[in-house]
Amino acid sequence: MNDVDIEKMGNLRIFAKEMSLSDQALGAVMMALQKSLMEQSDIVSTLKSFKFKLAKTGLMVMNPPLVKLGHDDEEEE
């Protein structure tokens, strides 16, 4: 991760860390998309609710969405 100079105000500089999503976080985004498609709901509220933690592999989602799948009680032959 690199420092990025995002703003310069006089002699004061503000830096931000460049970050990327971990594979786990990408999976959480994909699960959010799948859930919104299955429930025909808006994905924005799910994405806004994500809580992130910085790990060695990148940003991780601490509260990934749960996708509940229903199954038929009848077995197919």
PDB file of N, CA and C in Angstrom:
ATOM      1  N   MET A   1       0.842  -1.180   0.000  1.00  0.00           N
ATOM      2  CA  MET A   1       0.000   0.000   0.000  1.00  0.00           C
ATOM      3  C   MET A   1       0.883   1.237   0.000  1.00  0.00           C
ATOM      4  N   ASN A   2       0.505   2.184  -0.772  1.00  0.00           N
ATOM      5  CA  ASN A   2       1.289   3.404  -0.918  1.00  0.00           C
ATOM      6  C   ASN A   2       0.548   4.579  -0.313  1.00  0.00           C
ATOM      7  N   ASP A   3       1.321   5.570   0.147  1.00  0.00           N
ATOM      8  CA  ASP A   3       0.719   6.819   0.591  1.00  0.00           C
ATOM      9  C   ASP A   3       0.360   7.641  -0.629  1.00  0.00           C
ATOM     10  N   VAL A   4      -0.796   8.241  -0.595  1.00  0.00           N
ATOM     11  CA  VAL A   4      -1.243   9.091  -1.698  1.00  0.00           C
ATOM     12  C   VAL A   4      -1.487  10.480  -1.131  1.00  0.00           C
ATOM     13  N   ASP A   5      -0.859  11.476  -1.734  1.00  0.00           N
ATOM     14  CA  ASP A   5      -1.039  12.863  -1.325  1.00  0.00           C
ATOM     15  C   ASP A   5      -2.394  13.311  -1.856  1.00  0.00           C
ATOM     16  N   ILE A   6      -3.401  13.427  -0.972  1.00  0.00           N
ATOM     17  CA  ILE A   6      -4.737  13.756  -1.452  1.00  0.00           C
ATOM     18  C   ILE A   6      -5.058  15.242  -1.376  1.00  0.00           C
ATOM     19  N   GLU A   7      -4.308  15.977  -0.592  1.00  0.00           N
ATOM     20  CA  GLU A   7      -4.610  17.405  -0.483  1.00  0.00           C
ATOM     21  C   GLU A   7      -3.402  18.140   0.081  1.00  0.00           C
ATOM     22  N   LYS A   8      -3.166  19.315  -0.432  1.00  0.00           N
ATOM     23  CA  LYS A   8      -2.085  20.136   0.096  1.00  0.00           C
ATOM     24  C   LYS A   8      -2.678  21.486   0.464  1.00  0.00           C
ATOM     25  N   MET A   9      -2.536  21.835   1.737  1.00  0.00           N
ATOM     26  CA  MET A   9      -3.048  23.112   2.230  1.00  0.00           C
ATOM     27  C   MET A   9      -1.879  23.863   2.866  1.00  0.00           C
ATOM     28  N   GLY A  10      -1.310  24.791   2.119  1.00  0.00           N
ATOM     29  CA  GLY A  10      -0.148  25.515   2.622  1.00  0.00           C
ATOM     30  C   GLY A  10       0.987  24.543   2.840  1.00  0.00           C
ATOM     31  N   ASN A  11       1.525  24.509   4.046  1.00  0.00           N
ATOM     32  CA  ASN A  11       2.604  23.580   4.388  1.00  0.00           C
ATOM     33  C   ASN A  11       2.069  22.246   4.905  1.00  0.00           C
ATOM     34  N   LEU A  12       0.753  22.149   5.052  1.00  0.00           N
ATOM     35  CA  LEU A  12       0.140  20.937   5.586  1.00  0.00           C
ATOM     36  C   LEU A  12      -0.276  20.019   4.438  1.00  0.00           C
ATOM     37  N   ARG A  13       0.133  18.779   4.491  1.00  0.00           N
ATOM     38  CA  ARG A  13      -0.262  17.786   3.498  1.00  0.00           C
ATOM     39  C   ARG A  13      -1.074  16.700   4.186  1.00  0.00           C
ATOM     40  N   ILE A  14      -2.103  16.260   3.522  1.00  0.00           N
ATOM     41  CA  ILE A  14      -2.929  15.176   4.041  1.00  0.00           C
ATOM     42  C   ILE A  14      -2.664  13.953   3.176  1.00  0.00           C
ATOM     43  N   PHE A  15      -2.334  12.845   3.814  1.00  0.00           N
ATOM     44  CA  PHE A  15      -2.027  11.610   3.099  1.00  0.00           C
ATOM     45  C   PHE A  15      -3.086  10.560   3.397  1.00  0.00           C
ATOM     46  N   ALA A  16      -3.332   9.712   2.440  1.00  0.00           N
ATOM     47  CA  ALA A  16      -4.238   8.587   2.617  1.00  0.00           C
ATOM     48  C   ALA A  16      -3.531   7.339   2.106  1.00  0.00           C
ATOM     49  N   LYS A  17      -3.858   6.215   2.685  1.00  0.00           N
ATOM     50  CA  LYS A  17      -3.286   4.945   2.248  1.00  0.00           C
ATOM     51  C   LYS A  17      -4.083   4.401   1.079  1.00  0.00           C
ATOM     52  N   GLU A  18      -3.389   3.951   0.072  1.00  0.00           N
ATOM     53  CA  GLU A  18      -4.027   3.234  -1.022  1.00  0.00           C
ATOM     54  C   GLU A  18      -4.356   1.845  -0.510  1.00  0.00           C
ATOM     55  N   MET A  19      -5.582   1.386  -0.750  1.00  0.00           N
ATOM     56  CA  MET A  19      -5.989   0.074  -0.262  1.00  0.00           C
ATOM     57  C   MET A  19      -6.702  -0.687  -1.367  1.00  0.00           C
ATOM     58  N   SER A  20      -6.765  -1.980  -1.198  1.00  0.00           N
ATOM     59  CA  SER A  20      -7.513  -2.819  -2.139  1.00  0.00           C
ATOM     60  C   SER A  20      -8.352  -3.814  -1.344  1.00  0.00           C
ATOM     61  N   LEU A  21      -9.331  -4.397  -2.021  1.00  0.00           N
ATOM     62  CA  LEU A  21     -10.192  -5.385  -1.380  1.00  0.00           C
ATOM     63  C   LEU A  21      -9.500  -6.741  -1.363  1.00  0.00           C
ATOM     64  N   SER A  22      -9.642  -7.462  -0.269  1.00  0.00           N
ATOM     65  CA  SER A  22      -9.143  -8.831  -0.191  1.00  0.00           C
ATOM     66  C   SER A  22     -10.079  -9.739  -0.984  1.00  0.00           C
ATOM     67  N   ASP A  23      -9.645 -10.968  -1.210  1.00  0.00           N
ATOM     68  CA  ASP A  23     -10.517 -11.941  -1.866  1.00  0.00           C
ATOM     69  C   ASP A  23     -11.792 -12.153  -1.042  1.00  0.00           C
ATOM     70  N   GLN A  24     -11.664 -12.112   0.280  1.00  0.00           N
ATOM     71  CA  GLN A  24     -12.824 -12.272   1.152  1.00  0.00           C
ATOM     72  C   GLN A  24     -13.805 -11.132   0.938  1.00  0.00           C
ATOM     73  N   ALA A  25     -13.308  -9.906   0.817  1.00  0.00           N
ATOM     74  CA  ALA A  25     -14.186  -8.751   0.618  1.00  0.00           C
ATOM     75  C   ALA A  25     -14.862  -8.814  -0.752  1.00  0.00           C
ATOM     76  N   LEU A  26     -14.131  -9.248  -1.769  1.00  0.00           N
ATOM     77  CA  LEU A  26     -14.736  -9.418  -3.088  1.00  0.00           C
ATOM     78  C   LEU A  26     -15.846 -10.462  -3.032  1.00  0.00           C
ATOM     79  N   GLY A  27     -15.620 -11.528  -2.276  1.00  0.00           N
ATOM     80  CA  GLY A  27     -16.649 -12.545  -2.088  1.00  0.00           C
ATOM     81  C   GLY A  27     -17.871 -11.967  -1.396  1.00  0.00           C
ATOM     82  N   ALA A  28     -17.655 -11.083  -0.416  1.00  0.00           N
ATOM     83  CA  ALA A  28     -18.768 -10.450   0.289  1.00  0.00           C
ATOM     84  C   ALA A  28     -19.585  -9.565  -0.655  1.00  0.00           C
ATOM     85  N   VAL A  29     -18.901  -8.866  -1.558  1.00  0.00           N
ATOM     86  CA  VAL A  29     -19.607  -8.046  -2.556  1.00  0.00           C
ATOM     87  C   VAL A  29     -20.430  -8.944  -3.472  1.00  0.00           C
ATOM     88  N   MET A  30     -19.846 -10.061  -3.892  1.00  0.00           N
ATOM     89  CA  MET A  30     -20.573 -10.989  -4.757  1.00  0.00           C
ATOM     90  C   MET A  30     -21.779 -11.594  -4.034  1.00  0.00           C
ATOM     91  N   MET A  31     -21.624 -11.901  -2.748  1.00  0.00           N
ATOM     92  CA  MET A  31     -22.754 -12.428  -1.975  1.00  0.00           C
ATOM     93  C   MET A  31     -23.843 -11.367  -1.832  1.00  0.00           C
ATOM     94  N   ALA A  32     -23.451 -10.121  -1.651  1.00  0.00           N
ATOM     95  CA  ALA A  32     -24.433  -9.036  -1.564  1.00  0.00           C
ATOM     96  C   ALA A  32     -25.200  -8.919  -2.875  1.00  0.00           C
ATOM     97  N   LEU A  33     -24.505  -9.048  -3.990  1.00  0.00           N
ATOM     98  CA  LEU A  33     -25.158  -8.996  -5.294  1.00  0.00           C
ATOM     99  C   LEU A  33     -26.123 -10.169  -5.455  1.00  0.00           C
ATOM    100  N   GLN A  34     -25.667 -11.365  -5.107  1.00  0.00           N
ATOM    101  CA  GLN A  34     -26.520 -12.556  -5.215  1.00  0.00           C
ATOM    102  C   GLN A  34     -27.766 -12.410  -4.349  1.00  0.00           C
ATOM    103  N   LYS A  35     -27.577 -11.929  -3.119  1.00  0.00           N
ATOM    104  CA  LYS A  35     -28.704 -11.751  -2.203  1.00  0.00           C
ATOM    105  C   LYS A  35     -29.699 -10.733  -2.758  1.00  0.00           C
ATOM    106  N   SER A  36     -29.208  -9.632  -3.292  1.00  0.00           N
ATOM    107  CA  SER A  36     -30.115  -8.607  -3.821  1.00  0.00           C
ATOM    108  C   SER A  36     -30.868  -9.122  -5.046  1.00  0.00           C
ATOM    109  N   LEU A  37     -30.216  -9.948  -5.852  1.00  0.00           N
ATOM    110  CA  LEU A  37     -30.899 -10.530  -7.009  1.00  0.00           C
ATOM    111  C   LEU A  37     -31.969 -11.530  -6.573  1.00  0.00           C
ATOM    112  N   MET A  38     -31.629 -12.387  -5.611  1.00  0.00           N
ATOM    113  CA  MET A  38     -32.583 -13.394  -5.143  1.00  0.00           C
ATOM    114  C   MET A  38     -33.792 -12.758  -4.466  1.00  0.00           C
ATOM    115  N   GLU A  39     -33.538 -11.726  -3.683  1.00  0.00           N
ATOM    116  CA  GLU A  39     -34.618 -11.073  -2.930  1.00  0.00           C
ATOM    117  C   GLU A  39     -35.241  -9.922  -3.702  1.00  0.00           C
ATOM    118  N   GLN A  40     -34.697  -9.630  -4.877  1.00  0.00           N
ATOM    119  CA  GLN A  40     -35.122  -8.488  -5.686  1.00  0.00           C
ATOM    120  C   GLN A  40     -35.157  -7.219  -4.824  1.00  0.00           C
ATOM    121  N   SER A  41     -34.044  -6.982  -4.147  1.00  0.00           N
ATOM    122  CA  SER A  41     -33.914  -5.835  -3.251  1.00  0.00           C
ATOM    123  C   SER A  41     -32.732  -4.970  -3.679  1.00  0.00           C
ATOM    124  N   ASP A  42     -32.641  -3.803  -3.093  1.00  0.00           N
ATOM    125  CA  ASP A  42     -31.581  -2.851  -3.415  1.00  0.00           C
ATOM    126  C   ASP A  42     -30.287  -3.264  -2.723  1.00  0.00           C
ATOM    127  N   ILE A  43     -29.203  -3.293  -3.468  1.00  0.00           N
ATOM    128  CA  ILE A  43     -27.910  -3.706  -2.923  1.00  0.00           C
ATOM    129  C   ILE A  43     -27.233  -2.595  -2.119  1.00  0.00           C
ATOM    130  N   VAL A  44     -27.646  -1.349  -2.344  1.00  0.00           N
ATOM    131  CA  VAL A  44     -26.957  -0.195  -1.746  1.00  0.00           C
ATOM    132  C   VAL A  44     -26.943  -0.263  -0.223  1.00  0.00           C
ATOM    133  N   SER A  45     -28.064  -0.577   0.390  1.00  0.00           N
ATOM    134  CA  SER A  45     -28.113  -0.606   1.860  1.00  0.00           C
ATOM    135  C   SER A  45     -27.185  -1.682   2.422  1.00  0.00           C
ATOM    136  N   THR A  46     -27.084  -2.813   1.729  1.00  0.00           N
ATOM    137  CA  THR A  46     -26.173  -3.875   2.178  1.00  0.00           C
ATOM    138  C   THR A  46     -24.730  -3.414   2.078  1.00  0.00           C
ATOM    139  N   LEU A  47     -24.377  -2.797   0.949  1.00  0.00           N
ATOM    140  CA  LEU A  47     -23.001  -2.320   0.784  1.00  0.00           C
ATOM    141  C   LEU A  47     -22.667  -1.220   1.786  1.00  0.00           C
ATOM    142  N   LYS A  48     -23.614  -0.328   2.055  1.00  0.00           N
ATOM    143  CA  LYS A  48     -23.367   0.750   3.020  1.00  0.00           C
ATOM    144  C   LYS A  48     -23.183   0.221   4.437  1.00  0.00           C
ATOM    145  N   SER A  49     -23.761  -0.941   4.732  1.00  0.00           N
ATOM    146  CA  SER A  49     -23.671  -1.490   6.086  1.00  0.00           C
ATOM    147  C   SER A  49     -22.360  -2.235   6.342  1.00  0.00           C
ATOM    148  N   PHE A  50     -21.562  -2.464   5.295  1.00  0.00           N
ATOM    149  CA  PHE A  50     -20.303  -3.188   5.468  1.00  0.00           C
ATOM    150  C   PHE A  50     -19.386  -2.475   6.459  1.00  0.00           C
ATOM    151  N   LYS A  51     -18.802  -3.249   7.348  1.00  0.00           N
ATOM    152  CA  LYS A  51     -17.778  -2.775   8.284  1.00  0.00           C
ATOM    153  C   LYS A  51     -16.459  -3.399   7.839  1.00  0.00           C
ATOM    154  N   PHE A  52     -15.444  -2.566   7.621  1.00  0.00           N
ATOM    155  CA  PHE A  52     -14.172  -3.029   7.077  1.00  0.00           C
ATOM    156  C   PHE A  52     -13.078  -3.055   8.135  1.00  0.00           C
ATOM    157  N   LYS A  53     -12.131  -3.968   7.918  1.00  0.00           N
ATOM    158  CA  LYS A  53     -10.931  -4.047   8.744  1.00  0.00           C
ATOM    159  C   LYS A  53      -9.759  -4.252   7.789  1.00  0.00           C
ATOM    160  N   LEU A  54      -8.676  -3.549   8.047  1.00  0.00           N
ATOM    161  CA  LEU A  54      -7.496  -3.674   7.197  1.00  0.00           C
ATOM    162  C   LEU A  54      -6.672  -4.877   7.645  1.00  0.00           C
ATOM    163  N   ALA A  55      -6.409  -5.779   6.723  1.00  0.00           N
ATOM    164  CA  ALA A  55      -5.603  -6.967   6.980  1.00  0.00           C
ATOM    165  C   ALA A  55      -4.415  -6.957   6.014  1.00  0.00           C
ATOM    166  N   LYS A  56      -3.518  -7.898   6.177  1.00  0.00           N
ATOM    167  CA  LYS A  56      -2.347  -7.980   5.288  1.00  0.00           C
ATOM    168  C   LYS A  56      -2.759  -8.200   3.837  1.00  0.00           C
ATOM    169  N   THR A  57      -3.884  -8.883   3.624  1.00  0.00           N
ATOM    170  CA  THR A  57      -4.339  -9.202   2.268  1.00  0.00           C
ATOM    171  C   THR A  57      -5.195  -8.111   1.662  1.00  0.00           C
ATOM    172  N   GLY A  58      -5.512  -7.070   2.417  1.00  0.00           N
ATOM    173  CA  GLY A  58      -6.358  -5.972   1.943  1.00  0.00           C
ATOM    174  C   GLY A  58      -7.519  -5.758   2.889  1.00  0.00           C
ATOM    175  N   LEU A  59      -8.483  -4.975   2.455  1.00  0.00           N
ATOM    176  CA  LEU A  59      -9.655  -4.724   3.290  1.00  0.00           C
ATOM    177  C   LEU A  59     -10.501  -5.983   3.393  1.00  0.00           C
ATOM    178  N   MET A  60     -10.971  -6.270   4.595  1.00  0.00           N
ATOM    179  CA  MET A  60     -11.859  -7.407   4.828  1.00  0.00           C
ATOM    180  C   MET A  60     -13.191  -6.891   5.340  1.00  0.00           C
ATOM    181  N   VAL A  61     -14.264  -7.567   4.973  1.00  0.00           N
ATOM    182  CA  VAL A  61     -15.604  -7.211   5.440  1.00  0.00           C
ATOM    183  C   VAL A  61     -15.878  -8.013   6.707  1.00  0.00           C
ATOM    184  N   MET A  62     -16.144  -7.312   7.803  1.00  0.00           N
ATOM    185  CA  MET A  62     -16.351  -7.966   9.090  1.00  0.00           C
ATOM    186  C   MET A  62     -17.780  -8.493   9.244  1.00  0.00           C
ATOM    187  N   ASN A  63     -18.700  -7.998   8.434  1.00  0.00           N
ATOM    188  CA  ASN A  63     -20.102  -8.425   8.534  1.00  0.00           C
ATOM    189  C   ASN A  63     -20.661  -8.774   7.148  1.00  0.00           C
ATOM    190  N   PRO A  64     -20.094  -9.819   6.515  1.00  0.00           N
ATOM    191  CA  PRO A  64     -20.585 -10.172   5.176  1.00  0.00           C
ATOM    192  C   PRO A  64     -22.047 -10.608   5.231  1.00  0.00           C
ATOM    193  N   PRO A  65     -22.770 -10.419   4.132  1.00  0.00           N
ATOM    194  CA  PRO A  65     -24.184 -10.799   4.122  1.00  0.00           C
ATOM    195  C   PRO A  65     -24.355 -12.314   4.155  1.00  0.00           C
ATOM    196  N   LEU A  66     -25.446 -12.743   4.741  1.00  0.00           N
ATOM    197  CA  LEU A  66     -25.796 -14.160   4.750  1.00  0.00           C
ATOM    198  C   LEU A  66     -26.847 -14.397   3.683  1.00  0.00           C
ATOM    199  N   VAL A  67     -26.616 -15.390   2.877  1.00  0.00           N
ATOM    200  CA  VAL A  67     -27.591 -15.758   1.853  1.00  0.00           C
ATOM    201  C   VAL A  67     -28.205 -17.069   2.292  1.00  0.00           C
ATOM    202  N   LYS A  68     -29.517 -17.046   2.514  1.00  0.00           N
ATOM    203  CA  LYS A  68     -30.224 -18.251   2.955  1.00  0.00           C
ATOM    204  C   LYS A  68     -30.907 -18.879   1.751  1.00  0.00           C
ATOM    205  N   LEU A  69     -30.598 -20.129   1.513  1.00  0.00           N
ATOM    206  CA  LEU A  69     -31.179 -20.846   0.390  1.00  0.00           C
ATOM    207  C   LEU A  69     -32.269 -21.775   0.896  1.00  0.00           C
ATOM    208  N   GLY A  70     -33.414 -21.732   0.255  1.00  0.00           N
ATOM    209  CA  GLY A  70     -34.470 -22.675   0.578  1.00  0.00           C
ATOM    210  C   GLY A  70     -34.231 -23.939  -0.231  1.00  0.00           C
ATOM    211  N   HIS A  71     -34.715 -25.053   0.275  1.00  0.00           N
ATOM    212  CA  HIS A  71     -34.580 -26.302  -0.476  1.00  0.00           C
ATOM    213  C   HIS A  71     -35.915 -27.031  -0.463  1.00  0.00           C
ATOM    214  N   ASP A  72     -36.139 -27.817  -1.513  1.00  0.00           N
ATOM    215  CA  ASP A  72     -37.371 -28.576  -1.601  1.00  0.00           C
ATOM    216  C   ASP A  72     -37.278 -29.792  -0.685  1.00  0.00           C
ATOM    217  N   ASP A  73     -38.390 -30.113  -0.048  1.00  0.00           N
ATOM    218  CA  ASP A  73     -38.423 -31.294   0.811  1.00  0.00           C
ATOM    219  C   ASP A  73     -38.523 -32.561  -0.022  1.00  0.00           C
ATOM    220  N   GLU A  74     -38.976 -32.442  -1.259  1.00  0.00           N
ATOM    221  CA  GLU A  74     -39.116 -33.597  -2.124  1.00  0.00           C
ATOM    222  C   GLU A  74     -37.780 -33.881  -2.804  1.00  0.00           C
ATOM    223  N   GLU A  75     -37.417 -35.139  -2.843  1.00  0.00           N
ATOM    224  CA  GLU A  75     -36.195 -35.523  -3.532  1.00  0.00           C
ATOM    225  C   GLU A  75     -36.507 -35.800  -4.979  1.00  0.00           C
ATOM    226  N   GLU A  76     -35.620 -35.361  -5.849  1.00  0.00           N
ATOM    227  CA  GLU A  76     -35.785 -35.653  -7.258  1.00  0.00           C
ATOM    228  C   GLU A  76     -35.139 -36.976  -7.565  1.00  0.00           C
ATOM    229  N   GLU A  77     -35.801 -37.772  -8.386  1.00  0.00           N
ATOM    230  CA  GLU A  77     -35.239 -39.094  -8.730  1.00  0.00           C
ATOM    231  C   GLU A  77     -34.633 -39.069 -10.097  1.00  0.00           C
TER     232      GLU A  77
END
